């Protein structure tokens, strides 16, 4: 009789121990982020979704038609074989939004939050008209400032063009933005 009385207690103890161990494990990446990382690696094996200090990824999608604004486009017309990857970062990522108009090839998000900066990965070489050539931490970068207080910067250290876009009131100084672009475009482990 004593053995039968101990069985429910042992079962409850085992269930509690399993529950506690599950709660104490390290949390997984937010919903869909691991899948988005894999897809970016599939499209651009030498690139990835960078972690940028001070901002969080709030939206990621593939875009067949990404291009620079008209005032920055070059006369070169290069067809793209791969989709561009667009990554949107926000200072604070809120709740997952439910919107009627979502990007066709959504990889991650969209989460609430004001867009702080936008980073695009593309195979198309970018020549930004009216830009200033700069070298930041050994990376050649083209920088253009538009009248709408937007900074565009491109870098192409390998076969991937990184385009960073941010408002001048994003909370980042221009040198910080160029440092971010230099770091993410040359990092093998984004």
Protein backbone atom coordinates (compact mmCIF):
# COMPACT_ATOMS: atom_id res chain seq x y z
CA UNK A 1 0.00 0.00 0.00
CA UNK A 2 2.85 2.38 0.76
CA UNK A 3 4.29 1.93 -2.75
CA UNK A 4 0.99 2.96 -4.35
CA UNK A 5 0.81 6.12 -2.23
CA UNK A 6 4.31 7.20 -3.32
CA UNK A 7 3.65 6.78 -7.06
CA UNK A 8 1.46 9.91 -7.45
CA UNK A 9 3.96 11.96 -5.48
CA UNK A 10 6.85 10.76 -7.65
CA UNK A 11 4.85 11.53 -10.78
CA UNK A 12 4.04 15.06 -9.55
CA UNK A 13 7.69 15.62 -8.58
CA UNK A 14 8.87 14.50 -12.03
CA UNK A 15 6.36 16.79 -13.77
CA UNK A 16 7.37 19.76 -11.63
CA UNK A 17 11.08 19.15 -12.26
CA UNK A 18 10.45 18.95 -16.01
CA UNK A 19 8.40 22.15 -15.95
CA UNK A 20 11.05 24.03 -13.99
CA UNK A 21 13.84 22.90 -16.28
CA UNK A 22 11.84 24.03 -19.32
CA UNK A 23 11.29 27.45 -17.76
CA UNK A 24 14.94 27.93 -16.92
CA UNK A 25 16.28 27.14 -20.39
CA UNK A 26 17.52 29.99 -22.55
CA UNK A 27 14.75 31.69 -24.51
CA UNK A 28 14.54 31.02 -28.22
CA UNK A 29 14.84 33.79 -30.79
CA UNK A 30 11.65 35.78 -31.35
CA UNK A 31 9.08 34.15 -33.61
CA UNK A 32 10.39 33.78 -37.12
CA UNK A 33 13.80 35.39 -36.60
CA UNK A 34 15.69 32.10 -36.94
CA UNK A 35 13.81 31.39 -40.18
CA UNK A 36 14.57 34.90 -41.46
CA UNK A 37 18.27 34.43 -40.67
CA UNK A 38 18.32 31.15 -42.61
CA UNK A 39 16.62 32.74 -45.62
CA UNK A 40 19.06 35.66 -45.70
CA UNK A 41 21.95 33.17 -45.54
CA UNK A 42 20.38 31.19 -48.38
CA UNK A 43 20.07 34.25 -50.63
CA UNK A 44 23.36 35.90 -49.57
CA UNK A 45 25.67 33.26 -48.04
CA UNK A 46 28.34 35.83 -47.10
CA UNK A 47 25.85 38.12 -45.36
CA UNK A 48 23.37 37.89 -42.54
CA UNK A 49 21.01 39.86 -40.35
CA UNK A 50 23.31 42.05 -38.30
CA UNK A 51 22.74 42.88 -34.66
CA UNK A 52 23.10 46.65 -34.37
CA UNK A 53 23.62 48.16 -30.95
CA UNK A 54 20.86 50.55 -29.91
CA UNK A 55 18.21 49.24 -32.34
CA UNK A 56 16.19 46.08 -32.86
CA UNK A 57 15.07 44.39 -36.06
CA UNK A 58 11.37 45.12 -36.54
CA UNK A 59 10.80 44.04 -40.16
CA UNK A 60 12.60 41.92 -42.77
CA UNK A 61 11.43 41.12 -46.28
CA UNK A 62 12.60 40.25 -49.77
CA UNK A 63 12.04 42.86 -52.45
CA UNK A 64 12.47 42.34 -56.19
CA UNK A 65 12.26 46.03 -57.00
CA UNK A 66 14.43 47.79 -54.40
CA UNK A 67 16.26 50.77 -55.81
CA UNK A 68 17.70 54.07 -54.70
CA UNK A 69 15.57 57.23 -54.84
CA UNK A 70 15.43 58.83 -58.32
CA UNK A 71 17.79 61.66 -57.39
CA UNK A 72 20.50 59.13 -56.45
CA UNK A 73 20.17 56.61 -59.28
CA UNK A 74 22.96 56.15 -61.77
CA UNK A 75 22.42 55.74 -65.48
CA UNK A 76 23.54 52.11 -65.29
CA UNK A 77 20.76 49.56 -65.64
CA UNK A 78 21.79 46.25 -64.13
CA UNK A 79 19.25 43.45 -64.00
CA UNK A 80 19.17 41.68 -60.65
CA UNK A 81 19.12 37.91 -60.42
CA UNK A 82 18.52 37.76 -56.66
CA UNK A 83 15.97 39.49 -54.53
CA UNK A 84 17.15 42.30 -52.31
CA UNK A 85 16.76 41.84 -48.57
CA UNK A 86 15.35 44.82 -46.69
CA UNK A 87 15.94 45.04 -42.94
CA UNK A 88 14.16 47.71 -40.89
CA UNK A 89 15.43 48.58 -37.41
CA UNK A 90 13.61 50.48 -34.66
CA UNK A 91 14.75 51.93 -31.33
CA UNK A 92 12.09 49.98 -29.51
CA UNK A 93 10.30 47.00 -30.96
CA UNK A 94 6.72 46.81 -29.84
CA UNK A 95 4.03 44.24 -30.46
CA UNK A 96 3.60 42.35 -33.69
CA UNK A 97 1.40 44.39 -36.03
CA UNK A 98 -1.41 42.97 -38.08
CA UNK A 99 -1.61 45.00 -41.26
CA UNK A 100 -3.54 44.66 -44.47
CA UNK A 101 -0.59 45.73 -46.63
CA UNK A 102 2.36 43.49 -45.86
CA UNK A 103 5.38 42.95 -48.10
CA UNK A 104 4.78 40.05 -50.47
CA UNK A 105 7.84 38.10 -49.28
CA UNK A 106 7.76 38.85 -45.55
CA UNK A 107 10.56 37.19 -43.58
CA UNK A 108 10.07 38.71 -40.13
CA UNK A 109 7.69 41.11 -38.40
CA UNK A 110 6.37 43.70 -38.79
CA UNK A 111 6.64 44.93 -35.23
CA UNK A 112 5.51 48.30 -33.93
CA UNK A 113 8.14 50.99 -33.62
CA UNK A 114 9.42 54.01 -35.47
CA UNK A 115 11.83 53.16 -38.25
CA UNK A 116 15.28 54.29 -37.13
CA UNK A 117 17.33 52.90 -39.99
CA UNK A 118 16.90 50.73 -43.03
CA UNK A 119 19.58 48.37 -44.32
CA UNK A 120 19.33 46.69 -47.72
CA UNK A 121 21.41 43.82 -49.09
CA UNK A 122 21.51 43.55 -52.86
CA UNK A 123 23.68 41.96 -55.52
CA UNK A 124 23.41 45.07 -57.70
CA UNK A 125 26.48 47.33 -57.63
CA UNK A 126 25.30 50.77 -56.56
CA UNK A 127 26.66 54.01 -57.92
CA UNK A 128 25.10 56.88 -56.02
CA UNK A 129 24.99 60.09 -58.06
CA UNK A 130 26.15 63.20 -56.24
CA UNK A 131 27.72 61.19 -53.47
CA UNK A 132 30.91 61.73 -51.55
CA UNK A 133 33.42 58.88 -51.43
CA UNK A 134 34.73 58.15 -47.93
CA UNK A 135 36.79 55.44 -46.33
CA UNK A 136 35.58 54.35 -42.90
CA UNK A 137 37.57 51.74 -41.00
CA UNK A 138 39.06 50.55 -44.29
CA UNK A 139 35.71 50.28 -46.09
CA UNK A 140 34.96 52.40 -49.15
CA UNK A 141 31.59 54.06 -48.68
CA UNK A 142 29.55 56.41 -50.86
CA UNK A 143 27.52 58.92 -48.84
CA UNK A 144 24.72 61.14 -50.09
CA UNK A 145 22.50 63.53 -48.14
CA UNK A 146 19.08 64.39 -49.52
CA UNK A 147 17.09 67.57 -48.95
CA UNK A 148 14.53 65.58 -46.92
CA UNK A 149 17.21 65.09 -44.21
CA UNK A 150 17.93 61.50 -45.22
CA UNK A 151 21.40 59.97 -45.37
CA UNK A 152 22.08 57.23 -47.90
CA UNK A 153 25.32 55.30 -47.70
CA UNK A 154 26.45 52.32 -49.74
CA UNK A 155 29.33 49.88 -49.38
CA UNK A 156 30.27 46.89 -51.50
CA UNK A 157 33.29 45.15 -50.03
CA UNK A 158 32.39 41.78 -51.61
CA UNK A 159 29.62 40.65 -53.94
CA UNK A 160 26.89 42.18 -51.78
CA UNK A 161 25.95 45.86 -51.80
CA UNK A 162 24.87 47.21 -48.41
CA UNK A 163 22.74 50.34 -48.48
CA UNK A 164 22.00 52.14 -45.24
CA UNK A 165 19.27 54.78 -45.06
CA UNK A 166 18.50 56.90 -42.01
CA UNK A 167 17.06 60.26 -41.14
CA UNK A 168 19.41 62.86 -39.74
CA UNK A 169 17.16 62.94 -36.65
CA UNK A 170 17.43 59.16 -36.12
CA UNK A 171 19.48 59.67 -32.98
CA UNK A 172 22.67 58.53 -34.72
CA UNK A 173 25.40 60.90 -35.83
CA UNK A 174 26.55 60.54 -39.44
CA UNK A 175 29.88 59.06 -38.34
CA UNK A 176 28.04 56.46 -36.22
CA UNK A 177 25.88 55.46 -39.20
CA UNK A 178 28.92 55.09 -41.44
CA UNK A 179 30.65 53.04 -38.74
CA UNK A 180 27.61 50.75 -38.57
CA UNK A 181 27.66 50.33 -42.36
CA UNK A 182 31.39 49.62 -42.36
CA UNK A 183 31.05 47.05 -39.60
CA UNK A 184 28.05 45.15 -41.00
CA UNK A 185 29.34 45.14 -44.58
CA UNK A 186 32.71 43.66 -43.68
CA UNK A 187 31.69 41.30 -40.91
CA UNK A 188 31.68 37.61 -41.87
CA UNK A 189 29.50 36.75 -38.88
CA UNK A 190 26.71 39.33 -39.06
